[in-house]
Amino acid sequence: MNTLQELERKTEQIREKMYEAYYNSYDYSEIVEISQELDNLLNQLDEMKNRRDES
């Protein structure tokens, strides 16, 4: 299982990848795919933080 720090680091990496794709690409389907991956990671991160706070 991913730790909170690993998810935060991965989230930042994917966010940077999305910005880079936006500024350097005309392929918006690629940007949407990266955005969906980022959304998934953010949901995992939120869930993990909520579980931690409930403990």
PDB file of N, CA and C in Angstrom:
ATOM      1  N   MET A   1       0.843  -1.188   0.000  1.00  0.00           N
ATOM      2  CA  MET A   1       0.000   0.000   0.000  1.00  0.00           C
ATOM      3  C   MET A   1       0.883   1.245   0.000  1.00  0.00           C
ATOM      4  N   ASN A   2       0.404   2.270  -0.661  1.00  0.00           N
ATOM      5  CA  ASN A   2       1.154   3.517  -0.725  1.00  0.00           C
ATOM      6  C   ASN A   2       1.062   4.276   0.590  1.00  0.00           C
ATOM      7  N   THR A   3       2.154   4.881   0.947  1.00  0.00           N
ATOM      8  CA  THR A   3       2.118   5.749   2.117  1.00  0.00           C
ATOM      9  C   THR A   3       1.618   7.125   1.692  1.00  0.00           C
ATOM     10  N   LEU A   4       1.232   7.910   2.661  1.00  0.00           N
ATOM     11  CA  LEU A   4       0.746   9.262   2.391  1.00  0.00           C
ATOM     12  C   LEU A   4       1.797  10.071   1.633  1.00  0.00           C
ATOM     13  N   GLN A   5       3.040   9.986   2.063  1.00  0.00           N
ATOM     14  CA  GLN A   5       4.110  10.742   1.412  1.00  0.00           C
ATOM     15  C   GLN A   5       4.327  10.283  -0.031  1.00  0.00           C
ATOM     16  N   GLU A   6       4.234   8.978  -0.264  1.00  0.00           N
ATOM     17  CA  GLU A   6       4.403   8.467  -1.626  1.00  0.00           C
ATOM     18  C   GLU A   6       3.290   8.974  -2.542  1.00  0.00           C
ATOM     19  N   LEU A   7       2.056   8.973  -2.024  1.00  0.00           N
ATOM     20  CA  LEU A   7       0.931   9.469  -2.821  1.00  0.00           C
ATOM     21  C   LEU A   7       1.063  10.960  -3.096  1.00  0.00           C
ATOM     22  N   GLU A   8       1.502  11.717  -2.114  1.00  0.00           N
ATOM     23  CA  GLU A   8       1.709  13.152  -2.321  1.00  0.00           C
ATOM     24  C   GLU A   8       2.774  13.402  -3.377  1.00  0.00           C
ATOM     25  N   ARG A   9       3.862  12.656  -3.315  1.00  0.00           N
ATOM     26  CA  ARG A   9       4.945  12.810  -4.291  1.00  0.00           C
ATOM     27  C   ARG A   9       4.456  12.423  -5.701  1.00  0.00           C
ATOM     28  N   LYS A  10       3.746  11.318  -5.789  1.00  0.00           N
ATOM     29  CA  LYS A  10       3.235  10.865  -7.087  1.00  0.00           C
ATOM     30  C   LYS A  10       2.228  11.868  -7.650  1.00  0.00           C
ATOM     31  N   THR A  11       1.393  12.429  -6.778  1.00  0.00           N
ATOM     32  CA  THR A  11       0.421  13.428  -7.203  1.00  0.00           C
ATOM     33  C   THR A  11       1.115  14.638  -7.811  1.00  0.00           C
ATOM     34  N   GLU A  12       2.162  15.103  -7.171  1.00  0.00           N
ATOM     35  CA  GLU A  12       2.900  16.249  -7.704  1.00  0.00           C
ATOM     36  C   GLU A  12       3.568  15.922  -9.032  1.00  0.00           C
ATOM     37  N   GLN A  13       4.080  14.697  -9.165  1.00  0.00           N
ATOM     38  CA  GLN A  13       4.710  14.288 -10.424  1.00  0.00           C
ATOM     39  C   GLN A  13       3.689  14.282 -11.561  1.00  0.00           C
ATOM     40  N   ILE A  14       2.511  13.746 -11.292  1.00  0.00           N
ATOM     41  CA  ILE A  14       1.481  13.676 -12.322  1.00  0.00           C
ATOM     42  C   ILE A  14       0.952  15.070 -12.644  1.00  0.00           C
ATOM     43  N   ARG A  15       0.834  15.925 -11.642  1.00  0.00           N
ATOM     44  CA  ARG A  15       0.391  17.308 -11.875  1.00  0.00           C
ATOM     45  C   ARG A  15       1.383  18.021 -12.804  1.00  0.00           C
ATOM     46  N   GLU A  16       2.668  17.848 -12.542  1.00  0.00           N
ATOM     47  CA  GLU A  16       3.686  18.460 -13.401  1.00  0.00           C
ATOM     48  C   GLU A  16       3.618  17.892 -14.817  1.00  0.00           C
ATOM     49  N   LYS A  17       3.392  16.597 -14.914  1.00  0.00           N
ATOM     50  CA  LYS A  17       3.270  15.941 -16.221  1.00  0.00           C
ATOM     51  C   LYS A  17       2.080  16.520 -16.995  1.00  0.00           C
ATOM     52  N   MET A  18       0.972  16.768 -16.291  1.00  0.00           N
ATOM     53  CA  MET A  18      -0.211  17.325 -16.936  1.00  0.00           C
ATOM     54  C   MET A  18       0.061  18.741 -17.443  1.00  0.00           C
ATOM     55  N   TYR A  19       0.697  19.568 -16.610  1.00  0.00           N
ATOM     56  CA  TYR A  19       1.031  20.928 -17.037  1.00  0.00           C
ATOM     57  C   TYR A  19       1.955  20.900 -18.243  1.00  0.00           C
ATOM     58  N   GLU A  20       2.938  20.029 -18.204  1.00  0.00           N
ATOM     59  CA  GLU A  20       3.882  19.917 -19.318  1.00  0.00           C
ATOM     60  C   GLU A  20       3.160  19.496 -20.598  1.00  0.00           C
ATOM     61  N   ALA A  21       2.264  18.537 -20.481  1.00  0.00           N
ATOM     62  CA  ALA A  21       1.503  18.084 -21.652  1.00  0.00           C
ATOM     63  C   ALA A  21       0.629  19.209 -22.183  1.00  0.00           C
ATOM     64  N   TYR A  22       0.056  19.990 -21.297  1.00  0.00           N
ATOM     65  CA  TYR A  22      -0.798  21.098 -21.721  1.00  0.00           C
ATOM     66  C   TYR A  22      -0.001  22.149 -22.498  1.00  0.00           C
ATOM     67  N   TYR A  23       1.150  22.489 -21.984  1.00  0.00           N
ATOM     68  CA  TYR A  23       1.952  23.534 -22.615  1.00  0.00           C
ATOM     69  C   TYR A  23       2.699  23.062 -23.859  1.00  0.00           C
ATOM     70  N   ASN A  24       2.911  21.766 -24.003  1.00  0.00           N
ATOM     71  CA  ASN A  24       3.740  21.269 -25.104  1.00  0.00           C
ATOM     72  C   ASN A  24       3.013  20.368 -26.091  1.00  0.00           C
ATOM     73  N   SER A  25       1.696  20.225 -25.958  1.00  0.00           N
ATOM     74  CA  SER A  25       0.998  19.260 -26.791  1.00  0.00           C
ATOM     75  C   SER A  25      -0.324  19.813 -27.293  1.00  0.00           C
ATOM     76  N   TYR A  26      -0.695  19.364 -28.452  1.00  0.00           N
ATOM     77  CA  TYR A  26      -2.012  19.674 -28.979  1.00  0.00           C
ATOM     78  C   TYR A  26      -2.940  18.476 -28.844  1.00  0.00           C
ATOM     79  N   ASP A  27      -2.450  17.413 -28.240  1.00  0.00           N
ATOM     80  CA  ASP A  27      -3.230  16.186 -28.071  1.00  0.00           C
ATOM     81  C   ASP A  27      -3.988  16.238 -26.750  1.00  0.00           C
ATOM     82  N   TYR A  28      -5.194  16.791 -26.815  1.00  0.00           N
ATOM     83  CA  TYR A  28      -5.954  16.981 -25.587  1.00  0.00           C
ATOM     84  C   TYR A  28      -6.439  15.666 -24.986  1.00  0.00           C
ATOM     85  N   SER A  29      -6.527  14.609 -25.767  1.00  0.00           N
ATOM     86  CA  SER A  29      -6.912  13.320 -25.200  1.00  0.00           C
ATOM     87  C   SER A  29      -5.837  12.836 -24.222  1.00  0.00           C
ATOM     88  N   GLU A  30      -4.581  13.133 -24.510  1.00  0.00           N
ATOM     89  CA  GLU A  30      -3.499  12.789 -23.588  1.00  0.00           C
ATOM     90  C   GLU A  30      -3.640  13.587 -22.287  1.00  0.00           C
ATOM     91  N   ILE A  31      -3.986  14.850 -22.403  1.00  0.00           N
ATOM     92  CA  ILE A  31      -4.151  15.699 -21.221  1.00  0.00           C
ATOM     93  C   ILE A  31      -5.302  15.183 -20.372  1.00  0.00           C
ATOM     94  N   VAL A  32      -6.388  14.768 -21.012  1.00  0.00           N
ATOM     95  CA  VAL A  32      -7.540  14.226 -20.280  1.00  0.00           C
ATOM     96  C   VAL A  32      -7.145  12.950 -19.550  1.00  0.00           C
ATOM     97  N   GLU A  33      -6.388  12.084 -20.191  1.00  0.00           N
ATOM     98  CA  GLU A  33      -5.936  10.847 -19.544  1.00  0.00           C
ATOM     99  C   GLU A  33      -5.089  11.149 -18.316  1.00  0.00           C
ATOM    100  N   ILE A  34      -4.178  12.094 -18.438  1.00  0.00           N
ATOM    101  CA  ILE A  34      -3.324  12.462 -17.308  1.00  0.00           C
ATOM    102  C   ILE A  34      -4.176  13.077 -16.201  1.00  0.00           C
ATOM    103  N   SER A  35      -5.128  13.897 -16.575  1.00  0.00           N
ATOM    104  CA  SER A  35      -6.019  14.521 -15.603  1.00  0.00           C
ATOM    105  C   SER A  35      -6.823  13.472 -14.843  1.00  0.00           C
ATOM    106  N   GLN A  36      -7.287  12.448 -15.533  1.00  0.00           N
ATOM    107  CA  GLN A  36      -8.032  11.373 -14.880  1.00  0.00           C
ATOM    108  C   GLN A  36      -7.138  10.591 -13.918  1.00  0.00           C
ATOM    109  N   GLU A  37      -5.902  10.376 -14.304  1.00  0.00           N
ATOM    110  CA  GLU A  37      -4.947   9.710 -13.411  1.00  0.00           C
ATOM    111  C   GLU A  37      -4.715  10.564 -12.165  1.00  0.00           C
ATOM    112  N   LEU A  38      -4.586  11.872 -12.366  1.00  0.00           N
ATOM    113  CA  LEU A  38      -4.408  12.784 -11.247  1.00  0.00           C
ATOM    114  C   LEU A  38      -5.634  12.769 -10.335  1.00  0.00           C
ATOM    115  N   ASP A  39      -6.821  12.784 -10.917  1.00  0.00           N
ATOM    116  CA  ASP A  39      -8.053  12.717 -10.118  1.00  0.00           C
ATOM    117  C   ASP A  39      -8.071  11.459  -9.254  1.00  0.00           C
ATOM    118  N   ASN A  40      -7.693  10.349  -9.837  1.00  0.00           N
ATOM    119  CA  ASN A  40      -7.662   9.084  -9.103  1.00  0.00           C
ATOM    120  C   ASN A  40      -6.700   9.167  -7.919  1.00  0.00           C
ATOM    121  N   LEU A  41      -5.523   9.711  -8.159  1.00  0.00           N
ATOM    122  CA  LEU A  41      -4.543   9.852  -7.079  1.00  0.00           C
ATOM    123  C   LEU A  41      -5.035  10.804  -5.992  1.00  0.00           C
ATOM    124  N   LEU A  42      -5.668  11.894  -6.398  1.00  0.00           N
ATOM    125  CA  LEU A  42      -6.194  12.841  -5.416  1.00  0.00           C
ATOM    126  C   LEU A  42      -7.299  12.201  -4.576  1.00  0.00           C
ATOM    127  N   ASN A  43      -8.125  11.374  -5.200  1.00  0.00           N
ATOM    128  CA  ASN A  43      -9.160  10.660  -4.444  1.00  0.00           C
ATOM    129  C   ASN A  43      -8.535   9.687  -3.443  1.00  0.00           C
ATOM    130  N   GLN A  44      -7.508   8.975  -3.866  1.00  0.00           N
ATOM    131  CA  GLN A  44      -6.807   8.061  -2.955  1.00  0.00           C
ATOM    132  C   GLN A  44      -6.188   8.825  -1.794  1.00  0.00           C
ATOM    133  N   LEU A  45      -5.586   9.957  -2.108  1.00  0.00           N
ATOM    134  CA  LEU A  45      -4.940  10.784  -1.095  1.00  0.00           C
ATOM    135  C   LEU A  45      -5.973  11.296  -0.087  1.00  0.00           C
ATOM    136  N   ASP A  46      -7.097  11.762  -0.586  1.00  0.00           N
ATOM    137  CA  ASP A  46      -8.161  12.259   0.285  1.00  0.00           C
ATOM    138  C   ASP A  46      -8.692  11.147   1.180  1.00  0.00           C
ATOM    139  N   GLU A  47      -8.900   9.985   0.604  1.00  0.00           N
ATOM    140  CA  GLU A  47      -9.382   8.840   1.377  1.00  0.00           C
ATOM    141  C   GLU A  47      -8.387   8.456   2.464  1.00  0.00           C
ATOM    142  N   MET A  48      -7.120   8.437   2.122  1.00  0.00           N
ATOM    143  CA  MET A  48      -6.095   8.078   3.091  1.00  0.00           C
ATOM    144  C   MET A  48      -6.043   9.097   4.233  1.00  0.00           C
ATOM    145  N   LYS A  49      -6.140  10.376   3.895  1.00  0.00           N
ATOM    146  CA  LYS A  49      -6.119  11.414   4.931  1.00  0.00           C
ATOM    147  C   LYS A  49      -7.346  11.319   5.829  1.00  0.00           C
ATOM    148  N   ASN A  50      -8.506  11.028   5.229  1.00  0.00           N
ATOM    149  CA  ASN A  50      -9.726  10.886   6.027  1.00  0.00           C
ATOM    150  C   ASN A  50      -9.625   9.703   6.983  1.00  0.00           C
ATOM    151  N   ARG A  51      -9.093   8.588   6.533  1.00  0.00           N
ATOM    152  CA  ARG A  51      -8.920   7.412   7.403  1.00  0.00           C
ATOM    153  C   ARG A  51      -7.956   7.728   8.533  1.00  0.00           C
ATOM    154  N   ARG A  52      -6.892   8.461   8.217  1.00  0.00           N
ATOM    155  CA  ARG A  52      -5.913   8.821   9.238  1.00  0.00           C
ATOM    156  C   ARG A  52      -6.553   9.718  10.289  1.00  0.00           C
ATOM    157  N   ASP A  53      -7.360  10.676   9.851  1.00  0.00           N
ATOM    158  CA  ASP A  53      -8.005  11.605  10.768  1.00  0.00           C
ATOM    159  C   ASP A  53      -9.051  10.922  11.635  1.00  0.00           C
ATOM    160  N   GLU A  54      -9.665   9.855  11.127  1.00  0.00           N
ATOM    161  CA  GLU A  54     -10.667   9.122  11.895  1.00  0.00           C
ATOM    162  C   GLU A  54     -10.044   8.245  12.964  1.00  0.00           C
ATOM    163  N   SER A  55      -8.796   7.946  12.825  1.00  0.00           N
ATOM    164  CA  SER A  55      -8.104   7.059  13.784  1.00  0.00           C
ATOM    165  C   SER A  55      -7.822   7.746  15.094  1.00  0.00           C
TER     166      SER A  55
END
